[in-house]
Amino acid sequence: MNHLIGGTREPEGPPTRARPPQEAMMNHRLFPKCAAGAVIILLTAGLAIGQAGRGIARMGGVVVDKDGKPVEGAKVTAVFDASGGSTFETTTDKKGDWAFLGVGTGNWLVTVAAKGYLPVTVNTSIRQLDKNPKVTIKLEKQAAGSGVVQDEATFLTLEEGNAFFKDGKYDTALTMYDEFLAKNPGAYQVLLNIGDCYREKGEYDTAIEKYNRLIEQSAGDMTMGKSLGAKGLAAIGLCFMKQGKLAESQDYFKRSIEMAPQDENLPYNVAEIYFSNQNTDEAIRYFEMASQIKPEWPDPYYRVALAYLNKGDNAKAAESLEKFIKLEPETERTAQAKAILEAIKK
């Protein structure tokens, strides 16, 4: 699911992570028969535990403008990044503060919308046993050439479109996105959402047309143009890959990363695409690129470990899992990582 993205996020919290495609299957031949079965059961159980998004953790933060002044009355929506996950909503107080209680472990998409500002969506990772860092979200004032949500009603239309997309109701999502764009013609970012709908419907030419429009309009956006342009290029690459045009897809993935070389999410997402398409070597290359850009981010180490397992390189897998465990010592995924590590060291 894509969201309109703008503004900046302070670096104190966990790094932004865009949502990956479906989990790739592990190669059962890598483990002794009983050990492999145990690991796979653990992986599946871990995913099931996190789906509801409920727990005992607290998630909170502050919304400020570019000068660091609090933004009161901003709508904050947190959605658990998994199918059927929980949703929390609130508004910021006079100090710009917001908080949710009863939050579960995992990745959460936090969207902030306030009148006169660009909407912002960030991804934050929540843990149960540690104190979760404060999420500081900085909003940018609307500007010419930048996408703007003009009122809450149209923002709700966008949210409805995202919900329909998540449920696979792409035609209905398109109706919502088109309605949103008609009311907010400057909010060109929604072309990414529209393109995604056509891509999932298998209408690749139309999807690429929408992505190219996004890229063209992003050129005049000084606030978030590079980030959105890079996302558009990567989206075109995915369309080509789905059509089996590997050379074209690789070219667009490369151009995407070159446009925004400091964005660790771009190579991570490209790696996920390759991994879900059984191109293990390319997946490994891009996962490692993401970890080089953001060495303190645990996710690429975990995912590249699974990729190395699929390749049969247990030594490299163990090395990556050990790095992951150091960075994320107490979560459901940590238990999974430790189980895999124990199995491959036997």
C-alpha atoms as a PDB file:
ATOM      1  CA  MET A   1       0.000   0.000   0.000  1.00  0.00           C
ATOM      2  CA  ASN A   2       1.363   3.372  -0.934  1.00  0.00           C
ATOM      3  CA  HIS A   3       0.550   6.590   0.857  1.00  0.00           C
ATOM      4  CA  LEU A   4       1.060  10.232   0.108  1.00  0.00           C
ATOM      5  CA  ILE A   5       4.431  11.088   1.550  1.00  0.00           C
ATOM      6  CA  GLY A   6       5.898  14.465   2.320  1.00  0.00           C
ATOM      7  CA  GLY A   7       7.921  16.426   4.837  1.00  0.00           C
ATOM      8  CA  THR A   8      10.743  14.980   6.911  1.00  0.00           C
ATOM      9  CA  ARG A   9      11.170  12.790   9.930  1.00  0.00           C
ATOM     10  CA  GLU A  10      13.726  13.395  12.672  1.00  0.00           C
ATOM     11  CA  PRO A  11      16.428  10.691  12.815  1.00  0.00           C
ATOM     12  CA  GLU A  12      15.974   9.750  16.478  1.00  0.00           C
ATOM     13  CA  GLY A  13      13.478   6.948  15.816  1.00  0.00           C
ATOM     14  CA  PRO A  14      13.816   3.732  13.821  1.00  0.00           C
ATOM     15  CA  PRO A  15      14.403   4.297  10.102  1.00  0.00           C
ATOM     16  CA  THR A  16      11.586   4.512   7.602  1.00  0.00           C
ATOM     17  CA  ARG A  17      10.683   1.280   5.964  1.00  0.00           C
ATOM     18  CA  ALA A  18       8.338   0.861   3.144  1.00  0.00           C
ATOM     19  CA  ARG A  19       6.129  -2.147   3.129  1.00  0.00           C
ATOM     20  CA  PRO A  20       7.697  -5.231   1.401  1.00  0.00           C
ATOM     21  CA  PRO A  21       5.956  -7.734  -0.881  1.00  0.00           C
ATOM     22  CA  GLN A  22       4.920 -11.160   0.344  1.00  0.00           C
ATOM     23  CA  GLU A  23       7.305 -13.296   2.393  1.00  0.00           C
ATOM     24  CA  ALA A  24       9.530 -15.518   0.238  1.00  0.00           C
ATOM     25  CA  MET A  25       9.565 -19.253   0.902  1.00  0.00           C
ATOM     26  CA  MET A  26      12.634 -20.704   2.579  1.00  0.00           C
ATOM     27  CA  ASN A  27      14.452 -23.643   1.020  1.00  0.00           C
ATOM     28  CA  HIS A  28      13.631 -26.680   3.179  1.00  0.00           C
ATOM     29  CA  ARG A  29      16.736 -28.533   1.997  1.00  0.00           C
ATOM     30  CA  LEU A  30      18.994 -26.186   3.953  1.00  0.00           C
ATOM     31  CA  PHE A  31      18.293 -27.816   7.312  1.00  0.00           C
ATOM     32  CA  PRO A  32      18.071 -31.296   8.726  1.00  0.00           C
ATOM     33  CA  LYS A  33      14.464 -32.386   8.322  1.00  0.00           C
ATOM     34  CA  CYS A  34      13.297 -31.863  11.905  1.00  0.00           C
ATOM     35  CA  ALA A  35      15.207 -28.598  12.402  1.00  0.00           C
ATOM     36  CA  ALA A  36      13.830 -27.089   9.223  1.00  0.00           C
ATOM     37  CA  GLY A  37      10.279 -27.933  10.239  1.00  0.00           C
ATOM     38  CA  ALA A  38      10.766 -26.319  13.631  1.00  0.00           C
ATOM     39  CA  VAL A  39      12.125 -23.127  12.106  1.00  0.00           C
ATOM     40  CA  ILE A  40       9.325 -22.826   9.559  1.00  0.00           C
ATOM     41  CA  ILE A  41       6.710 -23.303  12.291  1.00  0.00           C
ATOM     42  CA  LEU A  42       8.372 -20.572  14.324  1.00  0.00           C
ATOM     43  CA  LEU A  43       8.401 -18.194  11.376  1.00  0.00           C
ATOM     44  CA  THR A  44       4.722 -18.774  10.696  1.00  0.00           C
ATOM     45  CA  ALA A  45       3.794 -18.436  14.345  1.00  0.00           C
ATOM     46  CA  GLY A  46       5.720 -15.187  14.602  1.00  0.00           C
ATOM     47  CA  LEU A  47       3.801 -13.710  11.705  1.00  0.00           C
ATOM     48  CA  ALA A  48       0.469 -14.746  13.206  1.00  0.00           C
ATOM     49  CA  ILE A  49       1.324 -13.219  16.586  1.00  0.00           C
ATOM     50  CA  GLY A  50       1.995  -9.821  15.061  1.00  0.00           C
ATOM     51  CA  GLN A  51      -1.003  -9.578  12.771  1.00  0.00           C
ATOM     52  CA  ALA A  52      -3.489  -8.118  15.241  1.00  0.00           C
ATOM     53  CA  GLY A  53      -1.186  -5.257  16.199  1.00  0.00           C
ATOM     54  CA  ARG A  54      -2.312  -5.359  19.829  1.00  0.00           C
ATOM     55  CA  GLY A  55       0.014  -5.423  22.805  1.00  0.00           C
ATOM     56  CA  ILE A  56       1.075  -3.460  25.861  1.00  0.00           C
ATOM     57  CA  ALA A  57       3.498  -0.995  24.301  1.00  0.00           C
ATOM     58  CA  ARG A  58       3.151   2.773  24.053  1.00  0.00           C
ATOM     59  CA  MET A  59       3.741   4.674  20.828  1.00  0.00           C
ATOM     60  CA  GLY A  60       3.910   8.438  20.840  1.00  0.00           C
ATOM     61  CA  GLY A  61       5.551  11.503  19.449  1.00  0.00           C
ATOM     62  CA  VAL A  62       5.203  15.115  18.490  1.00  0.00           C
ATOM     63  CA  VAL A  63       4.185  16.964  15.332  1.00  0.00           C
ATOM     64  CA  VAL A  64       6.015  20.207  14.579  1.00  0.00           C
ATOM     65  CA  ASP A  65       6.426  22.619  11.689  1.00  0.00           C
ATOM     66  CA  LYS A  66       9.712  23.302   9.913  1.00  0.00           C
ATOM     67  CA  ASP A  67      10.681  25.801  12.637  1.00  0.00           C
ATOM     68  CA  GLY A  68      10.116  23.249  15.370  1.00  0.00           C
ATOM     69  CA  LYS A  69       6.873  24.802  16.628  1.00  0.00           C
ATOM     70  CA  PRO A  70       4.106  22.388  17.680  1.00  0.00           C
ATOM     71  CA  VAL A  71       1.194  21.769  15.322  1.00  0.00           C
ATOM     72  CA  GLU A  72      -2.058  21.515  17.275  1.00  0.00           C
ATOM     73  CA  GLY A  73      -5.069  19.593  15.992  1.00  0.00           C
ATOM     74  CA  ALA A  74      -3.196  17.465  13.460  1.00  0.00           C
ATOM     75  CA  LYS A  75      -4.876  14.129  12.779  1.00  0.00           C
ATOM     76  CA  VAL A  76      -2.603  11.163  13.534  1.00  0.00           C
ATOM     77  CA  THR A  77      -3.513   7.713  12.210  1.00  0.00           C
ATOM     78  CA  ALA A  78      -1.437   4.613  13.003  1.00  0.00           C
ATOM     79  CA  VAL A  79      -2.081   1.439  11.001  1.00  0.00           C
ATOM     80  CA  PHE A  80      -0.417  -1.883  11.765  1.00  0.00           C
ATOM     81  CA  ASP A  81       1.552  -2.870   8.664  1.00  0.00           C
ATOM     82  CA  ALA A  82      -0.123  -6.232   8.067  1.00  0.00           C
ATOM     83  CA  SER A  83      -3.372  -7.423   6.582  1.00  0.00           C
ATOM     84  CA  GLY A  84      -6.228  -7.126   9.072  1.00  0.00           C
ATOM     85  CA  GLY A  85      -4.112  -5.076  11.472  1.00  0.00           C
ATOM     86  CA  SER A  86      -5.271  -2.582  14.079  1.00  0.00           C
ATOM     87  CA  THR A  87      -5.830   1.125  13.484  1.00  0.00           C
ATOM     88  CA  PHE A  88      -5.487   3.930  16.035  1.00  0.00           C
ATOM     89  CA  GLU A  89      -6.515   7.576  15.570  1.00  0.00           C
ATOM     90  CA  THR A  90      -6.022  10.738  17.604  1.00  0.00           C
ATOM     91  CA  THR A  91      -5.270  14.455  17.268  1.00  0.00           C
ATOM     92  CA  THR A  92      -2.327  16.402  18.611  1.00  0.00           C
ATOM     93  CA  ASP A  93      -2.678  18.607  21.693  1.00  0.00           C
ATOM     94  CA  LYS A  94      -1.445  22.180  22.184  1.00  0.00           C
ATOM     95  CA  LYS A  95       2.123  20.930  22.484  1.00  0.00           C
ATOM     96  CA  GLY A  96       1.821  18.889  19.283  1.00  0.00           C
ATOM     97  CA  ASP A  97       2.005  15.672  21.297  1.00  0.00           C
ATOM     98  CA  TRP A  98       0.154  12.444  20.508  1.00  0.00           C
ATOM     99  CA  ALA A  99       0.207   8.917  21.927  1.00  0.00           C
ATOM    100  CA  PHE A 100      -1.387   5.476  21.639  1.00  0.00           C
ATOM    101  CA  LEU A 101      -1.499   2.738  24.296  1.00  0.00           C
ATOM    102  CA  GLY A 102      -1.942  -1.004  23.808  1.00  0.00           C
ATOM    103  CA  VAL A 103       0.217  -1.139  20.693  1.00  0.00           C
ATOM    104  CA  GLY A 104       1.693  -4.414  19.444  1.00  0.00           C
ATOM    105  CA  THR A 105       5.189  -5.280  18.253  1.00  0.00           C
ATOM    106  CA  GLY A 106       5.981  -4.648  14.606  1.00  0.00           C
ATOM    107  CA  ASN A 107       5.952  -1.997  11.924  1.00  0.00           C
ATOM    108  CA  TRP A 108       3.344   0.754  11.989  1.00  0.00           C
ATOM    109  CA  LEU A 109       2.433   3.279   9.307  1.00  0.00           C
ATOM    110  CA  VAL A 110       1.846   6.637  10.985  1.00  0.00           C
ATOM    111  CA  THR A 111       0.085   9.261   8.865  1.00  0.00           C
ATOM    112  CA  VAL A 112      -0.263  12.905   9.910  1.00  0.00           C
ATOM    113  CA  ALA A 113      -2.552  15.401   8.197  1.00  0.00           C
ATOM    114  CA  ALA A 114      -3.130  19.039   9.127  1.00  0.00           C
ATOM    115  CA  LYS A 115      -4.817  21.833   7.209  1.00  0.00           C
ATOM    116  CA  GLY A 116      -2.317  23.900   5.245  1.00  0.00           C
ATOM    117  CA  TYR A 117       0.442  21.285   5.457  1.00  0.00           C
ATOM    118  CA  LEU A 118       1.611  18.426   3.289  1.00  0.00           C
ATOM    119  CA  PRO A 119       0.478  15.049   4.630  1.00  0.00           C
ATOM    120  CA  VAL A 120       3.252  12.834   5.955  1.00  0.00           C
ATOM    121  CA  THR A 121       3.449   9.056   6.298  1.00  0.00           C
ATOM    122  CA  VAL A 122       6.330   7.413   8.159  1.00  0.00           C
ATOM    123  CA  ASN A 123       7.031   3.879   9.276  1.00  0.00           C
ATOM    124  CA  THR A 124       8.045   3.193  12.851  1.00  0.00           C
ATOM    125  CA  SER A 125       8.974  -0.080  14.553  1.00  0.00           C
ATOM    126  CA  ILE A 126       7.492  -0.843  17.980  1.00  0.00           C
ATOM    127  CA  ARG A 127       8.880  -3.163  20.638  1.00  0.00           C
ATOM    128  CA  GLN A 128       7.230  -4.494  23.803  1.00  0.00           C
ATOM    129  CA  LEU A 129      10.165  -4.745  26.201  1.00  0.00           C
ATOM    130  CA  ASP A 130      12.044  -1.557  25.358  1.00  0.00           C
ATOM    131  CA  LYS A 131      11.051   2.082  25.720  1.00  0.00           C
ATOM    132  CA  ASN A 132      10.058   3.091  22.214  1.00  0.00           C
ATOM    133  CA  PRO A 133      11.669   6.311  20.973  1.00  0.00           C
ATOM    134  CA  LYS A 134       9.553   9.403  20.473  1.00  0.00           C
ATOM    135  CA  VAL A 135       8.467   9.820  16.851  1.00  0.00           C
ATOM    136  CA  THR A 136       9.026  13.418  15.787  1.00  0.00           C
ATOM    137  CA  ILE A 137       7.222  14.286  12.562  1.00  0.00           C
ATOM    138  CA  LYS A 138       7.970  17.567  10.846  1.00  0.00           C
ATOM    139  CA  LEU A 139       5.328  19.026   8.538  1.00  0.00           C
ATOM    140  CA  GLU A 140       6.012  21.253   5.568  1.00  0.00           C
ATOM    141  CA  LYS A 141       3.690  24.080   4.558  1.00  0.00           C
ATOM    142  CA  GLN A 142       1.891  23.664   1.262  1.00  0.00           C
ATOM    143  CA  ALA A 143       3.784  25.095  -1.707  1.00  0.00           C
ATOM    144  CA  ALA A 144       3.252  25.443  -5.429  1.00  0.00           C
ATOM    145  CA  GLY A 145       3.979  22.160  -7.180  1.00  0.00           C
ATOM    146  CA  SER A 146       3.557  20.142  -3.990  1.00  0.00           C
ATOM    147  CA  GLY A 147       0.662  17.817  -3.263  1.00  0.00           C
ATOM    148  CA  VAL A 148      -1.793  19.253  -0.770  1.00  0.00           C
ATOM    149  CA  VAL A 149      -4.731  17.721   1.046  1.00  0.00           C
ATOM    150  CA  GLN A 150      -7.100  20.669   1.359  1.00  0.00           C
ATOM    151  CA  ASP A 151      -9.461  19.352   4.028  1.00  0.00           C
ATOM    152  CA  GLU A 152     -10.096  16.321   6.185  1.00  0.00           C
ATOM    153  CA  ALA A 153     -12.970  15.095   4.034  1.00  0.00           C
ATOM    154  CA  THR A 154     -10.714  14.591   1.009  1.00  0.00           C
ATOM    155  CA  PHE A 155      -8.065  12.987   3.189  1.00  0.00           C
ATOM    156  CA  LEU A 156     -10.671  10.471   4.338  1.00  0.00           C
ATOM    157  CA  THR A 157     -11.355   9.699   0.676  1.00  0.00           C
ATOM    158  CA  LEU A 158      -7.671   8.893   0.276  1.00  0.00           C
ATOM    159  CA  GLU A 159      -7.721   6.669   3.365  1.00  0.00           C
ATOM    160  CA  GLU A 160     -10.742   4.816   1.979  1.00  0.00           C
ATOM    161  CA  GLY A 161      -8.861   4.250  -1.258  1.00  0.00           C
ATOM    162  CA  ASN A 162      -5.910   2.837   0.657  1.00  0.00           C
ATOM    163  CA  ALA A 163      -8.219   0.474   2.562  1.00  0.00           C
ATOM    164  CA  PHE A 164      -9.838  -0.789  -0.650  1.00  0.00           C
ATOM    165  CA  PHE A 165      -6.396  -1.267  -2.225  1.00  0.00           C
ATOM    166  CA  LYS A 166      -5.254  -3.274   0.769  1.00  0.00           C
ATOM    167  CA  ASP A 167      -8.309  -5.534   0.380  1.00  0.00           C
ATOM    168  CA  GLY A 168      -7.585  -6.076  -3.319  1.00  0.00           C
ATOM    169  CA  LYS A 169     -10.591  -4.028  -4.489  1.00  0.00           C
ATOM    170  CA  TYR A 170      -8.590  -2.108  -7.059  1.00  0.00           C
ATOM    171  CA  ASP A 171     -11.455  -0.692  -9.126  1.00  0.00           C
ATOM    172  CA  THR A 172     -13.090   0.780  -6.032  1.00  0.00           C
ATOM    173  CA  ALA A 173      -9.734   2.125  -4.855  1.00  0.00           C
ATOM    174  CA  LEU A 174      -9.272   3.782  -8.256  1.00  0.00           C
ATOM    175  CA  THR A 175     -12.616   5.527  -7.871  1.00  0.00           C
ATOM    176  CA  MET A 176     -11.516   6.906  -4.489  1.00  0.00           C
ATOM    177  CA  TYR A 177      -8.109   8.003  -5.775  1.00  0.00           C
ATOM    178  CA  ASP A 178      -9.593   9.673  -8.863  1.00  0.00           C
ATOM    179  CA  GLU A 179     -12.088  11.521  -6.673  1.00  0.00           C
ATOM    180  CA  PHE A 180      -9.281  12.644  -4.383  1.00  0.00           C
ATOM    181  CA  LEU A 181      -7.156  13.867  -7.292  1.00  0.00           C
ATOM    182  CA  ALA A 182     -10.101  15.753  -8.822  1.00  0.00           C
ATOM    183  CA  LYS A 183     -10.554  17.673  -5.564  1.00  0.00           C
ATOM    184  CA  ASN A 184      -6.803  18.105  -5.019  1.00  0.00           C
ATOM    185  CA  PRO A 185      -5.282  18.535  -8.506  1.00  0.00           C
ATOM    186  CA  GLY A 186      -1.944  19.595  -7.047  1.00  0.00           C
ATOM    187  CA  ALA A 187      -1.590  16.362  -5.073  1.00  0.00           C
ATOM    188  CA  TYR A 188       0.212  14.567  -7.872  1.00  0.00           C
ATOM    189  CA  GLN A 189       1.611  11.968  -5.449  1.00  0.00           C
ATOM    190  CA  VAL A 190      -1.652  10.018  -5.677  1.00  0.00           C
ATOM    191  CA  LEU A 191      -0.605   9.050  -9.207  1.00  0.00           C
ATOM    192  CA  LEU A 192       1.640   6.497  -7.498  1.00  0.00           C
ATOM    193  CA  ASN A 193      -1.404   4.949  -5.832  1.00  0.00           C
ATOM    194  CA  ILE A 194      -3.345   5.020  -9.100  1.00  0.00           C
ATOM    195  CA  GLY A 195      -0.472   3.381 -10.959  1.00  0.00           C
ATOM    196  CA  ASP A 196      -0.281   0.667  -8.311  1.00  0.00           C
ATOM    197  CA  CYS A 197      -3.952  -0.178  -8.874  1.00  0.00           C
ATOM    198  CA  TYR A 198      -3.447  -0.601 -12.607  1.00  0.00           C
ATOM    199  CA  ARG A 199      -0.306  -2.659 -11.981  1.00  0.00           C
ATOM    200  CA  GLU A 200      -2.176  -5.041  -9.694  1.00  0.00           C
ATOM    201  CA  LYS A 201      -4.934  -5.312 -12.323  1.00  0.00           C
ATOM    202  CA  GLY A 202      -2.287  -6.363 -14.859  1.00  0.00           C
ATOM    203  CA  GLU A 203      -2.747  -3.204 -16.963  1.00  0.00           C
ATOM    204  CA  TYR A 204       0.954  -2.453 -17.098  1.00  0.00           C
ATOM    205  CA  ASP A 205       0.968   0.116 -19.912  1.00  0.00           C
ATOM    206  CA  THR A 206      -1.575   2.276 -18.099  1.00  0.00           C
ATOM    207  CA  ALA A 207       0.324   1.860 -14.828  1.00  0.00           C
ATOM    208  CA  ILE A 208       3.583   2.972 -16.459  1.00  0.00           C
ATOM    209  CA  GLU A 209       1.796   5.966 -17.981  1.00  0.00           C
ATOM    210  CA  LYS A 210       0.652   7.050 -14.490  1.00  0.00           C
ATOM    211  CA  TYR A 211       4.132   6.539 -13.023  1.00  0.00           C
ATOM    212  CA  ASN A 212       5.692   8.613 -15.812  1.00  0.00           C
ATOM    213  CA  ARG A 213       3.228  11.423 -15.097  1.00  0.00           C
ATOM    214  CA  LEU A 214       4.279  11.249 -11.458  1.00  0.00           C
ATOM    215  CA  ILE A 215       7.963  11.461 -12.407  1.00  0.00           C
ATOM    216  CA  GLU A 216       7.362  14.426 -14.722  1.00  0.00           C
ATOM    217  CA  GLN A 217       5.456  16.393 -12.097  1.00  0.00           C
ATOM    218  CA  SER A 218       7.928  15.534  -9.341  1.00  0.00           C
ATOM    219  CA  ALA A 219      10.661  17.419 -11.217  1.00  0.00           C
ATOM    220  CA  GLY A 220       9.173  20.748 -10.111  1.00  0.00           C
ATOM    221  CA  ASP A 221       8.682  19.729  -6.480  1.00  0.00           C
ATOM    222  CA  MET A 222      11.579  20.925  -4.348  1.00  0.00           C
ATOM    223  CA  THR A 223      10.121  19.422  -1.164  1.00  0.00           C
ATOM    224  CA  MET A 224       9.808  15.740  -1.997  1.00  0.00           C
ATOM    225  CA  GLY A 225      10.261  15.489  -5.743  1.00  0.00           C
ATOM    226  CA  LYS A 226      13.381  13.318  -5.694  1.00  0.00           C
ATOM    227  CA  SER A 227      11.875  10.809  -3.307  1.00  0.00           C
ATOM    228  CA  LEU A 228       8.657  10.494  -5.302  1.00  0.00           C
ATOM    229  CA  GLY A 229      10.466  10.411  -8.631  1.00  0.00           C
ATOM    230  CA  ALA A 230      12.629   7.571  -7.346  1.00  0.00           C
ATOM    231  CA  LYS A 231       9.546   5.674  -6.195  1.00  0.00           C
ATOM    232  CA  GLY A 232       8.012   6.134  -9.638  1.00  0.00           C
ATOM    233  CA  LEU A 233      11.095   4.715 -11.343  1.00  0.00           C
ATOM    234  CA  ALA A 234      11.125   1.705  -9.022  1.00  0.00           C
ATOM    235  CA  ALA A 235       7.420   1.147  -9.687  1.00  0.00           C
ATOM    236  CA  ILE A 236       8.061   1.075 -13.437  1.00  0.00           C
ATOM    237  CA  GLY A 237      10.849  -1.421 -12.805  1.00  0.00           C
ATOM    238  CA  LEU A 238       8.393  -3.672 -10.985  1.00  0.00           C
ATOM    239  CA  CYS A 239       5.958  -3.490 -13.923  1.00  0.00           C
ATOM    240  CA  PHE A 240       8.688  -4.638 -16.299  1.00  0.00           C
ATOM    241  CA  MET A 241       9.707  -7.437 -13.943  1.00  0.00           C
ATOM    242  CA  LYS A 242       6.125  -8.698 -13.743  1.00  0.00           C
ATOM    243  CA  GLN A 243       6.170  -8.886 -17.549  1.00  0.00           C
ATOM    244  CA  GLY A 244       9.430 -10.832 -17.568  1.00  0.00           C
ATOM    245  CA  LYS A 245      11.420  -7.915 -19.019  1.00  0.00           C
ATOM    246  CA  LEU A 246      14.381  -8.273 -16.684  1.00  0.00           C
ATOM    247  CA  ALA A 247      16.844  -5.959 -18.459  1.00  0.00           C
ATOM    248  CA  GLU A 248      14.352  -3.085 -18.445  1.00  0.00           C
ATOM    249  CA  SER A 249      13.417  -3.699 -14.811  1.00  0.00           C
ATOM    250  CA  GLN A 250      17.061  -3.693 -13.694  1.00  0.00           C
ATOM    251  CA  ASP A 251      17.653  -0.416 -15.520  1.00  0.00           C
ATOM    252  CA  TYR A 252      14.753   1.299 -13.758  1.00  0.00           C
ATOM    253  CA  PHE A 253      15.711  -0.076 -10.348  1.00  0.00           C
ATOM    254  CA  LYS A 254      19.233   1.269 -10.845  1.00  0.00           C
ATOM    255  CA  ARG A 255      17.950   4.684 -11.919  1.00  0.00           C
ATOM    256  CA  SER A 256      15.643   4.788  -8.911  1.00  0.00           C
ATOM    257  CA  ILE A 257      18.475   4.278  -6.441  1.00  0.00           C
ATOM    258  CA  GLU A 258      20.732   6.735  -8.267  1.00  0.00           C
ATOM    259  CA  MET A 259      18.055   9.424  -7.975  1.00  0.00           C
ATOM    260  CA  ALA A 260      17.919   9.140  -4.161  1.00  0.00           C
ATOM    261  CA  PRO A 261      21.122   7.352  -3.091  1.00  0.00           C
ATOM    262  CA  GLN A 262      20.718   8.117   0.623  1.00  0.00           C
ATOM    263  CA  ASP A 263      17.263   6.528   0.884  1.00  0.00           C
ATOM    264  CA  GLU A 264      17.773   3.061   2.334  1.00  0.00           C
ATOM    265  CA  ASN A 265      14.178   2.120   1.566  1.00  0.00           C
ATOM    266  CA  LEU A 266      14.733   2.083  -2.186  1.00  0.00           C
ATOM    267  CA  PRO A 267      17.338  -0.714  -2.320  1.00  0.00           C
ATOM    268  CA  TYR A 268      15.471  -2.553   0.440  1.00  0.00           C
ATOM    269  CA  ASN A 269      12.255  -2.565  -1.560  1.00  0.00           C
ATOM    270  CA  VAL A 270      14.093  -3.560  -4.736  1.00  0.00           C
ATOM    271  CA  ALA A 271      15.639  -6.439  -2.770  1.00  0.00           C
ATOM    272  CA  GLU A 272      12.189  -7.559  -1.627  1.00  0.00           C
ATOM    273  CA  ILE A 273      10.976  -7.549  -5.222  1.00  0.00           C
ATOM    274  CA  TYR A 274      13.906  -9.705  -6.328  1.00  0.00           C
ATOM    275  CA  PHE A 275      13.497 -12.009  -3.326  1.00  0.00           C
ATOM    276  CA  SER A 276       9.798 -12.600  -3.988  1.00  0.00           C
ATOM    277  CA  ASN A 277      10.718 -13.403  -7.606  1.00  0.00           C
ATOM    278  CA  GLN A 278      13.370 -15.969  -6.558  1.00  0.00           C
ATOM    279  CA  ASN A 279      16.296 -13.859  -7.788  1.00  0.00           C
ATOM    280  CA  THR A 280      18.367 -14.490  -4.681  1.00  0.00           C
ATOM    281  CA  ASP A 281      21.691 -13.016  -5.808  1.00  0.00           C
ATOM    282  CA  GLU A 282      20.158  -9.649  -6.700  1.00  0.00           C
ATOM    283  CA  ALA A 283      18.116  -9.682  -3.502  1.00  0.00           C
ATOM    284  CA  ILE A 284      21.290 -10.156  -1.474  1.00  0.00           C
ATOM    285  CA  ARG A 285      23.041  -7.327  -3.326  1.00  0.00           C
ATOM    286  CA  TYR A 286      20.275  -4.835  -2.635  1.00  0.00           C
ATOM    287  CA  PHE A 287      19.640  -5.904   0.973  1.00  0.00           C
ATOM    288  CA  GLU A 288      23.335  -5.344   1.656  1.00  0.00           C
ATOM    289  CA  MET A 289      23.184  -1.982  -0.104  1.00  0.00           C
ATOM    290  CA  ALA A 290      20.363  -0.938   2.238  1.00  0.00           C
ATOM    291  CA  SER A 291      22.360  -1.976   5.309  1.00  0.00           C
ATOM    292  CA  GLN A 292      25.375  -0.016   4.069  1.00  0.00           C
ATOM    293  CA  ILE A 293      23.258   3.133   3.805  1.00  0.00           C
ATOM    294  CA  LYS A 294      21.672   2.593   7.247  1.00  0.00           C
ATOM    295  CA  PRO A 295      23.902   0.192   9.248  1.00  0.00           C
ATOM    296  CA  GLU A 296      21.790   0.473  12.411  1.00  0.00           C
ATOM    297  CA  TRP A 297      18.600  -0.736  10.683  1.00  0.00           C
ATOM    298  CA  PRO A 298      17.962  -4.398  11.632  1.00  0.00           C
ATOM    299  CA  ASP A 299      15.529  -5.364   8.860  1.00  0.00           C
ATOM    300  CA  PRO A 300      18.011  -5.790   5.965  1.00  0.00           C
ATOM    301  CA  TYR A 301      20.192  -8.112   8.072  1.00  0.00           C
ATOM    302  CA  TYR A 302      17.235 -10.354   8.859  1.00  0.00           C
ATOM    303  CA  ARG A 303      16.029 -10.498   5.279  1.00  0.00           C
ATOM    304  CA  VAL A 304      19.476 -11.029   3.752  1.00  0.00           C
ATOM    305  CA  ALA A 305      20.002 -13.903   6.193  1.00  0.00           C
ATOM    306  CA  LEU A 306      16.929 -15.627   4.738  1.00  0.00           C
ATOM    307  CA  ALA A 307      18.248 -14.952   1.249  1.00  0.00           C
ATOM    308  CA  TYR A 308      21.603 -16.531   2.138  1.00  0.00           C
ATOM    309  CA  LEU A 309      19.739 -19.543   3.555  1.00  0.00           C
ATOM    310  CA  ASN A 310      17.909 -19.958   0.277  1.00  0.00           C
ATOM    311  CA  LYS A 311      21.269 -19.883  -1.478  1.00  0.00           C
ATOM    312  CA  GLY A 312      22.708 -22.482   0.904  1.00  0.00           C
ATOM    313  CA  ASP A 313      25.322 -20.159   2.437  1.00  0.00           C
ATOM    314  CA  ASN A 314      24.767 -20.901   6.125  1.00  0.00           C
ATOM    315  CA  ALA A 315      27.916 -19.086   7.254  1.00  0.00           C
ATOM    316  CA  LYS A 316      26.795 -15.790   5.714  1.00  0.00           C
ATOM    317  CA  ALA A 317      23.283 -16.345   7.033  1.00  0.00           C
ATOM    318  CA  ALA A 318      24.601 -16.837  10.564  1.00  0.00           C
ATOM    319  CA  GLU A 319      26.729 -13.699  10.318  1.00  0.00           C
ATOM    320  CA  SER A 320      23.730 -11.611   9.258  1.00  0.00           C
ATOM    321  CA  LEU A 321      21.469 -13.098  11.926  1.00  0.00           C
ATOM    322  CA  GLU A 322      23.998 -12.281  14.636  1.00  0.00           C
ATOM    323  CA  LYS A 323      24.082  -8.655  13.478  1.00  0.00           C
ATOM    324  CA  PHE A 324      20.298  -8.566  13.453  1.00  0.00           C
ATOM    325  CA  ILE A 325      20.041  -9.942  17.005  1.00  0.00           C
ATOM    326  CA  LYS A 326      22.440  -7.271  18.297  1.00  0.00           C
ATOM    327  CA  LEU A 327      20.319  -4.524  16.750  1.00  0.00           C
ATOM    328  CA  GLU A 328      16.931  -6.005  17.719  1.00  0.00           C
ATOM    329  CA  PRO A 329      17.495  -8.054  20.881  1.00  0.00           C
ATOM    330  CA  GLU A 330      13.926  -8.582  22.164  1.00  0.00           C
ATOM    331  CA  THR A 331      11.122  -9.092  19.645  1.00  0.00           C
ATOM    332  CA  GLU A 332       9.190 -11.973  18.092  1.00  0.00           C
ATOM    333  CA  ARG A 333      11.554 -11.784  15.125  1.00  0.00           C
ATOM    334  CA  THR A 334      14.515 -12.126  17.482  1.00  0.00           C
ATOM    335  CA  ALA A 335      13.137 -15.437  18.729  1.00  0.00           C
ATOM    336  CA  GLN A 336      12.777 -16.575  15.134  1.00  0.00           C
ATOM    337  CA  ALA A 337      16.319 -15.445  14.314  1.00  0.00           C
ATOM    338  CA  LYS A 338      17.748 -17.278  17.327  1.00  0.00           C
ATOM    339  CA  ALA A 339      15.906 -20.465  16.368  1.00  0.00           C
ATOM    340  CA  ILE A 340      17.265 -20.311  12.824  1.00  0.00           C
ATOM    341  CA  LEU A 341      20.766 -19.551  14.106  1.00  0.00           C
ATOM    342  CA  GLU A 342      20.659 -22.521  16.472  1.00  0.00           C
ATOM    343  CA  ALA A 343      19.442 -24.811  13.683  1.00  0.00           C
ATOM    344  CA  ILE A 344      22.160 -23.903  11.190  1.00  0.00           C
ATOM    345  CA  LYS A 345      24.941 -24.134  13.778  1.00  0.00           C
ATOM    346  CA  LYS A 346      24.089 -27.740  14.684  1.00  0.00           C
END
